[in-house]
Amino acid sequence: MSFFLSFNLILPELNDELRNRGGAEFVGWIIPAFSFSALIARPFSGWITDNLGRRVAMIGGCLFCIIAGCFYPWVTSVAGFLVVRAIHGFSTGFTPTGFTAFTADVVEESHRGRAMGWQGMFNNLGTTIGYVLGALIALHFGVDWMYYTSAALAATAWLLFMQLPETRVESNKRKFTFSLGQLFYWPAWKPSLIMFLVCISLGSILTVMADFTLALGYENKGLFLSIYIGVSLLFRLVSGRISDLLGRAWSTAIGTFSQVLSMLILLYLAIQLNHQTDTGCKDCGIPGFAWFGMAAVFYGIGQGFNAPSLFAWASDTADAQHRGRAMAMLFMFLELGIIVGGLTANFFIEGHSWDYLGIFGVSGAGFAAGLILSLAWIGNRRGPA
């Protein structure tokens, strides 16, 4: 929770921070810059997790958070800001690989879905608190203190990870060789592909949802994020058990179906917004909060089902010797999805004047593809490896 709190604390303020440095046209790169470096780190984090230890990966990622948090206030140029943003991204390239492998090590396979659900709940709790706390710190104490608080929370996570025992088996250590066979763990390709498809929307949502919320007439630009993360927290408590009982593919089918519904509602709202903007019709009101809130709820339900199931599914494909690589494979495709989503949003922002229809349409297509694959891969109790 401390780790996720540290790097999500600053997220709501980054758009304005980059604009203040003269980089308004690069706002769409805030998420991809972070995710690109995380993607680069993922393959190596799997090898480090399996060979040097879970704790090394966890602690190493925290150090990147601490460094970035201390340097954000000192950079004044757009290029410098994006470089620090990229350095920050290495943190999520290493730490989550370590702690998901650790969790899988210490929990029996029959309870792995529930364990990933609980872990994800605290990850999301850190994210939710971060969105609120970061804005409050920036408002009352300034953005510099927001960055330093982020670094302090990363240091707290580092101290907590230091207290954990190492669960890697020493006999599993292997010499590192730069090859696809070492960097990627192909038995985990099915959950990784679904992870890619469902994360396309994350890159887009994180980029445009604040502005879309304001365009609909709501003053709280974090409204959608707060609702969906809150709902996701609740459903993670039960989705892991469903994943353990019915199978991973059944659980992701439920999650992706829910998020298809969310994108359909957002598309409907975008159509109404475009109509009002294009025609200037004052009698054509935008649908009320019930629709917007329902879209966030369905999105949160989907997140609550998908994340624990996909992490457990990837873990199911590996033994303890390869678990770090399996987690790294999943995280690589997570980052790829976020990058594609962020660049998709950036394309529509620059070329089509905030064409939300295109942004939500691409995200919805990703969820629909994930639903089709989930239904096709429903097999035994755990889902196919």
Protein backbone atom coordinates (compact mmCIF):
# COMPACT_ATOMS: atom_id res chain seq x y z
CA MET A 1 0.00 0.00 0.00
CA SER A 2 2.83 2.40 0.85
CA PHE A 3 4.54 1.70 -2.46
CA PHE A 4 1.41 2.30 -4.57
CA LEU A 5 0.55 5.34 -2.47
CA SER A 6 3.98 6.83 -3.17
CA PHE A 7 3.81 6.97 -6.97
CA ASN A 8 0.06 7.57 -7.31
CA LEU A 9 0.21 10.51 -4.90
CA ILE A 10 1.56 12.80 -7.61
CA LEU A 11 -0.49 11.58 -10.57
CA PRO A 12 -3.45 14.02 -10.48
CA GLU A 13 -1.11 17.03 -10.51
CA LEU A 14 1.28 15.92 -13.27
CA ASN A 15 -0.73 17.34 -16.20
CA ASP A 16 -0.67 20.83 -14.71
CA GLU A 17 2.96 20.44 -13.66
CA LEU A 18 4.00 19.65 -17.24
CA ARG A 19 1.87 22.50 -18.61
CA ASN A 20 3.56 24.90 -16.17
CA ARG A 21 6.90 23.89 -17.67
CA GLY A 22 5.66 24.71 -21.17
CA GLY A 23 4.91 21.12 -22.19
CA ALA A 24 1.15 21.22 -22.80
CA GLU A 25 1.55 19.31 -26.07
CA PHE A 26 3.37 16.48 -24.23
CA VAL A 27 0.67 15.79 -21.63
CA GLY A 28 -0.27 12.60 -23.47
CA TRP A 29 3.24 11.27 -22.82
CA ILE A 30 3.10 11.39 -19.01
CA ILE A 31 1.73 7.84 -18.73
CA PRO A 32 3.70 6.27 -21.65
CA ALA A 33 7.02 7.74 -20.40
CA PHE A 34 6.47 5.99 -17.08
CA SER A 35 5.30 2.75 -18.68
CA PHE A 36 8.06 2.54 -21.31
CA SER A 37 10.79 2.38 -18.66
CA ALA A 38 8.73 -0.05 -16.59
CA LEU A 39 8.41 -2.23 -19.68
CA ILE A 40 12.18 -2.19 -20.22
CA ALA A 41 12.73 -3.27 -16.61
CA ARG A 42 10.14 -6.07 -16.55
CA PRO A 43 12.11 -8.86 -18.29
CA PHE A 44 15.16 -8.20 -16.10
CA SER A 45 13.03 -7.97 -12.97
CA GLY A 46 11.83 -11.53 -13.55
CA TRP A 47 15.39 -12.85 -13.70
CA ILE A 48 16.40 -10.77 -10.67
CA THR A 49 13.39 -12.01 -8.70
CA ASP A 50 14.14 -15.66 -9.47
CA ASN A 51 17.93 -15.46 -9.10
CA LEU A 52 18.87 -12.66 -6.73
CA GLY A 53 15.73 -12.78 -4.64
CA ARG A 54 12.24 -11.35 -4.16
CA ARG A 55 13.54 -8.78 -1.67
CA VAL A 56 16.18 -7.44 -4.07
CA ALA A 57 13.51 -6.69 -6.69
CA MET A 58 11.17 -5.08 -4.15
CA ILE A 59 13.84 -2.92 -2.53
CA GLY A 60 15.46 -1.92 -5.83
CA GLY A 61 12.18 -0.60 -7.23
CA CYS A 62 11.61 1.52 -4.13
CA LEU A 63 14.97 3.23 -4.63
CA PHE A 64 13.86 4.51 -8.06
CA CYS A 65 10.74 5.98 -6.39
CA ILE A 66 12.82 7.74 -3.78
CA ILE A 67 15.21 9.19 -6.39
CA ALA A 68 12.39 10.41 -8.64
CA GLY A 69 10.45 11.97 -5.76
CA CYS A 70 13.50 14.00 -4.77
CA PHE A 71 14.30 15.17 -8.31
CA TYR A 72 10.83 16.22 -9.59
CA PRO A 73 10.95 19.61 -7.79
CA TRP A 74 14.36 20.45 -9.25
CA VAL A 75 13.69 19.98 -12.96
CA THR A 76 12.45 23.04 -14.83
CA SER A 77 12.46 21.85 -18.44
CA VAL A 78 9.97 19.62 -20.25
CA ALA A 79 12.72 17.19 -21.25
CA GLY A 80 14.02 16.98 -17.70
CA PHE A 81 10.54 16.37 -16.34
CA LEU A 82 9.92 13.49 -18.76
CA VAL A 83 13.35 11.98 -18.00
CA VAL A 84 12.56 11.95 -14.27
CA ARG A 85 9.16 10.49 -15.13
CA ALA A 86 10.90 7.70 -17.04
CA ILE A 87 13.28 7.05 -14.13
CA HIS A 88 10.24 6.82 -11.87
CA GLY A 89 8.78 4.13 -14.13
CA PHE A 90 11.63 1.73 -13.32
CA SER A 91 10.14 1.43 -9.83
CA THR A 92 7.05 -0.42 -11.04
CA GLY A 93 9.25 -2.44 -13.36
CA PHE A 94 10.88 -4.13 -10.37
CA THR A 95 8.93 -3.93 -7.11
CA PRO A 96 5.55 -5.48 -8.12
CA THR A 97 7.29 -8.43 -9.77
CA GLY A 98 9.05 -9.12 -6.48
CA PHE A 99 6.08 -8.85 -4.17
CA THR A 100 3.63 -10.80 -6.35
CA ALA A 101 6.16 -13.65 -6.57
CA PHE A 102 6.62 -13.42 -2.79
CA THR A 103 2.87 -13.66 -2.22
CA ALA A 104 2.59 -16.67 -4.52
CA ASP A 105 5.47 -18.33 -2.62
CA VAL A 106 3.87 -18.05 0.81
CA VAL A 107 0.27 -18.97 -0.12
CA GLU A 108 -1.06 -22.38 -1.12
CA GLU A 109 -2.22 -22.70 -4.72
CA SER A 110 -5.83 -23.36 -3.67
CA HIS A 111 -5.97 -19.91 -2.02
CA ARG A 112 -3.82 -18.00 -4.51
CA GLY A 113 -6.73 -16.13 -6.13
CA ARG A 114 -7.90 -14.84 -2.74
CA ALA A 115 -4.34 -13.84 -1.80
CA MET A 116 -3.89 -11.88 -5.01
CA GLY A 117 -7.27 -10.27 -4.38
CA TRP A 118 -6.21 -9.09 -0.92
CA GLN A 119 -2.87 -7.87 -2.21
CA GLY A 120 -4.60 -6.02 -5.03
CA MET A 121 -7.02 -4.50 -2.56
CA PHE A 122 -4.17 -2.84 -0.65
CA ASN A 123 -2.54 -1.78 -3.93
CA ASN A 124 -5.79 -0.07 -4.91
CA LEU A 125 -6.21 1.37 -1.43
CA GLY A 126 -2.82 3.06 -1.80
CA THR A 127 -3.85 4.35 -5.23
CA THR A 128 -7.17 5.73 -3.94
CA ILE A 129 -5.64 7.45 -0.92
CA GLY A 130 -2.88 8.79 -3.14
CA TYR A 131 -5.28 10.59 -5.49
CA VAL A 132 -6.94 12.35 -2.57
CA LEU A 133 -3.89 12.97 -0.38
CA GLY A 134 -1.68 14.26 -3.20
CA ALA A 135 -4.20 16.93 -4.18
CA LEU A 136 -4.59 18.03 -0.54
CA ILE A 137 -0.84 18.28 0.03
CA ALA A 138 -0.35 20.26 -3.18
CA LEU A 139 -3.21 22.60 -2.26
CA HIS A 140 -2.13 23.34 1.32
CA PHE A 141 1.65 22.87 1.27
CA GLY A 142 2.67 23.12 -2.41
CA VAL A 143 3.68 20.61 -5.04
CA ASP A 144 7.29 20.34 -3.80
CA TRP A 145 6.08 18.86 -0.52
CA MET A 146 3.83 16.52 -2.48
CA TYR A 147 6.92 15.14 -4.25
CA TYR A 148 8.91 14.83 -1.03
CA THR A 149 5.99 13.04 0.63
CA SER A 150 6.00 10.63 -2.29
CA ALA A 151 9.69 9.91 -1.69
CA ALA A 152 9.09 9.46 2.06
CA LEU A 153 6.32 6.92 1.41
CA ALA A 154 8.61 5.01 -0.95
CA ALA A 155 11.24 4.98 1.80
CA THR A 156 8.61 3.60 4.18
CA ALA A 157 7.84 0.80 1.72
CA TRP A 158 11.57 0.12 1.40
CA LEU A 159 11.90 -0.27 5.18
CA LEU A 160 8.89 -2.60 5.30
CA PHE A 161 10.19 -4.78 2.46
CA MET A 162 13.52 -5.05 4.29
CA GLN A 163 11.72 -6.86 7.11
CA LEU A 164 10.39 -9.65 4.87
CA PRO A 165 12.13 -13.02 4.71
CA GLU A 166 13.62 -14.17 1.41
CA THR A 167 11.51 -16.94 -0.15
CA ARG A 168 13.64 -17.72 -3.20
CA VAL A 169 15.21 -21.18 -3.05
CA GLU A 170 19.00 -20.83 -3.34
CA SER A 171 19.32 -23.95 -5.51
CA ASN A 172 17.10 -22.30 -8.15
CA LYS A 173 19.72 -19.67 -8.96
CA ARG A 174 20.70 -19.58 -12.64
CA LYS A 175 23.37 -17.69 -14.54
CA PHE A 176 21.98 -14.75 -16.52
CA THR A 177 22.19 -14.99 -20.30
CA PHE A 178 20.60 -12.43 -22.58
CA SER A 179 18.13 -14.49 -24.57
CA LEU A 180 14.40 -14.50 -25.16
CA GLY A 181 14.22 -17.78 -23.31
CA GLN A 182 15.63 -16.13 -20.18
CA LEU A 183 13.68 -12.88 -20.41
CA PHE A 184 10.22 -14.17 -21.31
CA TYR A 185 8.11 -16.93 -19.83
CA TRP A 186 5.90 -18.10 -22.66
CA PRO A 187 3.71 -20.57 -20.69
CA ALA A 188 2.05 -17.45 -19.21
CA TRP A 189 1.07 -16.02 -22.62
CA LYS A 190 -2.69 -16.51 -22.22
CA PRO A 191 -3.19 -14.40 -19.06
CA SER A 192 -0.58 -11.97 -20.41
CA LEU A 193 -2.53 -11.44 -23.64
CA ILE A 194 -5.76 -10.78 -21.75
CA MET A 195 -3.85 -8.42 -19.42
CA PHE A 196 -2.67 -6.45 -22.47
CA LEU A 197 -6.21 -6.13 -23.83
CA VAL A 198 -7.80 -4.99 -20.55
CA CYS A 199 -5.02 -2.49 -19.79
CA ILE A 200 -5.42 -0.52 -23.02
CA SER A 201 -8.21 1.38 -21.32
CA LEU A 202 -6.04 2.18 -18.29
CA GLY A 203 -3.61 4.20 -20.40
CA SER A 204 -6.49 6.11 -21.95
CA ILE A 205 -8.54 6.54 -18.77
CA LEU A 206 -5.60 7.91 -16.79
CA THR A 207 -4.88 10.38 -19.60
CA VAL A 208 -8.33 11.76 -20.44
CA MET A 209 -10.83 10.92 -17.71
CA ALA A 210 -10.12 14.03 -15.63
CA ASP A 211 -10.89 16.28 -18.61
CA PHE A 212 -13.88 14.17 -19.68
CA THR A 213 -15.30 14.44 -16.16
CA LEU A 214 -14.96 18.22 -16.24
CA ALA A 215 -16.52 18.34 -19.72
CA LEU A 216 -19.59 16.52 -18.37
CA GLY A 217 -19.99 19.25 -15.76
CA TYR A 218 -18.57 17.60 -12.63
CA GLU A 219 -16.08 19.67 -10.64
CA ASN A 220 -14.23 16.75 -9.04
CA LYS A 221 -11.92 15.55 -11.80
CA GLY A 222 -11.05 12.41 -9.84
CA LEU A 223 -14.68 11.32 -9.49
CA PHE A 224 -14.60 8.41 -11.97
CA LEU A 225 -11.27 7.10 -10.64
CA SER A 226 -12.44 7.26 -7.03
CA ILE A 227 -15.68 5.40 -7.73
CA TYR A 228 -14.17 2.64 -9.82
CA ILE A 229 -11.26 2.03 -7.45
CA GLY A 230 -13.61 1.95 -4.46
CA VAL A 231 -15.86 -0.60 -6.17
CA SER A 232 -12.82 -2.59 -7.24
CA LEU A 233 -11.67 -2.78 -3.62
CA LEU A 234 -14.98 -4.34 -2.57
CA PHE A 235 -15.12 -6.89 -5.37
CA ARG A 236 -11.53 -8.03 -4.87
CA LEU A 237 -12.65 -9.49 -1.55
CA VAL A 238 -14.94 -11.97 -3.34
CA SER A 239 -13.52 -12.24 -6.86
CA GLY A 240 -10.44 -14.13 -5.73
CA ARG A 241 -12.58 -16.83 -4.13
CA ILE A 242 -14.68 -17.08 -7.31
CA SER A 243 -11.48 -17.40 -9.32
CA ASP A 244 -10.30 -20.24 -7.06
CA LEU A 245 -13.65 -22.05 -7.29
CA LEU A 246 -14.69 -21.60 -10.93
CA GLY A 247 -11.38 -20.99 -12.67
CA ARG A 248 -9.37 -18.02 -13.87
CA ALA A 249 -10.97 -17.77 -17.31
CA TRP A 250 -14.51 -17.66 -15.86
CA SER A 251 -13.47 -14.81 -13.59
CA THR A 252 -11.88 -12.77 -16.39
CA ALA A 253 -14.96 -13.38 -18.54
CA ILE A 254 -17.09 -11.76 -15.81
CA GLY A 255 -14.63 -8.88 -15.50
CA THR A 256 -14.27 -8.13 -19.20
CA PHE A 257 -18.04 -8.33 -19.76
CA SER A 258 -18.56 -5.77 -17.00
CA GLN A 259 -16.01 -3.42 -18.57
CA VAL A 260 -17.58 -3.76 -22.02
CA LEU A 261 -20.75 -2.41 -20.41
CA SER A 262 -18.75 0.44 -18.88
CA MET A 263 -17.31 1.49 -22.24
CA LEU A 264 -20.76 1.34 -23.90
CA ILE A 265 -22.08 3.78 -21.30
CA LEU A 266 -19.09 6.09 -21.74
CA LEU A 267 -19.59 5.98 -25.51
CA TYR A 268 -23.23 6.97 -25.01
CA LEU A 269 -22.18 9.90 -22.79
CA ALA A 270 -19.54 10.95 -25.34
CA ILE A 271 -22.13 10.93 -28.14
CA GLN A 272 -24.44 13.15 -26.10
CA LEU A 273 -21.58 15.48 -25.19
CA ASN A 274 -20.51 15.78 -28.84
CA HIS A 275 -24.09 16.49 -29.90
CA GLN A 276 -24.47 19.26 -27.37
CA THR A 277 -21.07 20.75 -28.26
CA ASP A 278 -21.61 20.59 -32.03
CA THR A 279 -25.19 21.87 -32.13
CA GLY A 280 -25.18 24.19 -29.13
CA CYS A 281 -28.53 22.72 -28.20
CA LYS A 282 -29.38 23.86 -24.68
CA ASP A 283 -32.43 21.61 -24.46
CA CYS A 284 -30.35 18.49 -25.17
CA GLY A 285 -29.07 17.78 -21.68
CA ILE A 286 -26.27 15.34 -20.98
CA PRO A 287 -27.52 12.23 -19.10
CA GLY A 288 -27.27 12.58 -15.35
CA PHE A 289 -24.85 11.28 -12.77
CA ALA A 290 -26.54 7.87 -12.59
CA TRP A 291 -25.12 7.00 -16.02
CA PHE A 292 -21.65 8.29 -15.23
CA GLY A 293 -21.62 6.56 -11.86
CA MET A 294 -22.86 3.32 -13.42
CA ALA A 295 -19.98 3.37 -15.93
CA ALA A 296 -17.49 3.77 -13.07
CA VAL A 297 -19.14 0.96 -11.07
CA PHE A 298 -19.04 -1.49 -13.99
CA TYR A 299 -15.42 -0.54 -14.64
CA GLY A 300 -14.55 -1.17 -11.00
CA ILE A 301 -16.30 -4.55 -10.99
CA GLY A 302 -14.25 -5.54 -14.01
CA GLN A 303 -11.00 -4.45 -12.40
CA GLY A 304 -11.94 -6.30 -9.23
CA PHE A 305 -12.37 -9.55 -11.14
CA ASN A 306 -9.62 -9.27 -13.74
CA ALA A 307 -6.55 -8.34 -11.72
CA PRO A 308 -6.55 -11.08 -9.04
CA SER A 309 -7.50 -13.75 -11.59
CA LEU A 310 -4.81 -12.82 -14.10
CA PHE A 311 -2.06 -12.70 -11.48
CA ALA A 312 -3.17 -16.05 -10.05
CA TRP A 313 -3.47 -17.51 -13.58
CA ALA A 314 0.08 -16.47 -14.46
CA SER A 315 1.33 -17.88 -11.16
CA ASP A 316 -0.45 -21.17 -11.87
CA THR A 317 1.67 -21.61 -15.01
CA ALA A 318 4.98 -21.59 -13.12
CA ASP A 319 6.79 -23.41 -10.36
CA ALA A 320 8.74 -21.52 -7.68
CA GLN A 321 11.85 -21.51 -9.88
CA HIS A 322 10.12 -19.59 -12.69
CA ARG A 323 7.49 -17.62 -10.80
CA GLY A 324 9.34 -14.32 -11.03
CA ARG A 325 9.59 -14.63 -14.81
CA ALA A 326 5.90 -15.50 -15.06
CA MET A 327 4.98 -12.39 -13.08
CA ALA A 328 7.38 -10.29 -15.16
CA MET A 329 5.76 -11.59 -18.36
CA LEU A 330 2.34 -10.53 -17.08
CA PHE A 331 3.59 -7.11 -16.04
CA MET A 332 5.27 -6.56 -19.42
CA PHE A 333 1.97 -7.02 -21.19
CA LEU A 334 0.29 -4.80 -18.59
CA GLU A 335 2.75 -2.01 -19.46
CA LEU A 336 2.31 -2.61 -23.19
CA GLY A 337 -1.45 -2.21 -22.80
CA ILE A 338 -1.05 1.04 -20.84
CA ILE A 339 1.40 2.38 -23.43
CA VAL A 340 -0.94 1.56 -26.32
CA GLY A 341 -3.84 3.16 -24.45
CA GLY A 342 -1.86 6.29 -23.61
CA LEU A 343 -0.63 6.72 -27.17
CA THR A 344 -4.15 6.07 -28.50
CA ALA A 345 -5.45 8.85 -26.28
CA ASN A 346 -2.60 11.11 -27.37
CA PHE A 347 -3.43 10.47 -31.04
CA PHE A 348 -7.06 11.46 -30.62
CA ILE A 349 -6.14 14.44 -28.42
CA GLU A 350 -3.74 15.86 -31.02
CA GLY A 351 -5.53 14.96 -34.24
CA HIS A 352 -9.22 14.92 -33.52
CA SER A 353 -9.88 17.53 -30.82
CA TRP A 354 -10.58 15.21 -27.90
CA ASP A 355 -12.54 12.60 -29.83
CA TYR A 356 -13.70 10.61 -26.81
CA LEU A 357 -15.65 8.30 -29.11
CA GLY A 358 -12.42 6.97 -30.58
CA ILE A 359 -10.72 6.64 -27.20
CA PHE A 360 -13.57 4.74 -25.55
CA GLY A 361 -14.20 2.75 -28.72
CA VAL A 362 -10.63 1.38 -28.81
CA SER A 363 -10.82 0.54 -25.10
CA GLY A 364 -14.15 -1.20 -25.57
CA ALA A 365 -12.75 -3.25 -28.44
CA GLY A 366 -9.92 -4.40 -26.17
CA PHE A 367 -12.38 -5.54 -23.50
CA ALA A 368 -14.53 -7.32 -26.08
CA ALA A 369 -11.49 -9.21 -27.39
CA GLY A 370 -10.57 -10.15 -23.81
CA LEU A 371 -14.10 -11.44 -23.23
CA ILE A 372 -13.99 -13.59 -26.37
CA LEU A 373 -10.63 -15.09 -25.40
CA SER A 374 -11.76 -15.73 -21.82
CA LEU A 375 -14.82 -17.62 -23.04
CA ALA A 376 -12.71 -19.57 -25.52
CA TRP A 377 -10.19 -20.58 -22.83
CA ILE A 378 -12.66 -21.73 -20.19
CA GLY A 379 -11.42 -25.20 -19.41
CA ASN A 380 -10.64 -26.95 -16.19
CA ARG A 381 -11.17 -25.57 -12.72
CA ARG A 382 -8.12 -23.28 -12.76
CA GLY A 383 -8.27 -22.25 -16.38
CA PRO A 384 -5.81 -23.57 -18.93
CA ALA A 385 -2.10 -22.99 -18.51
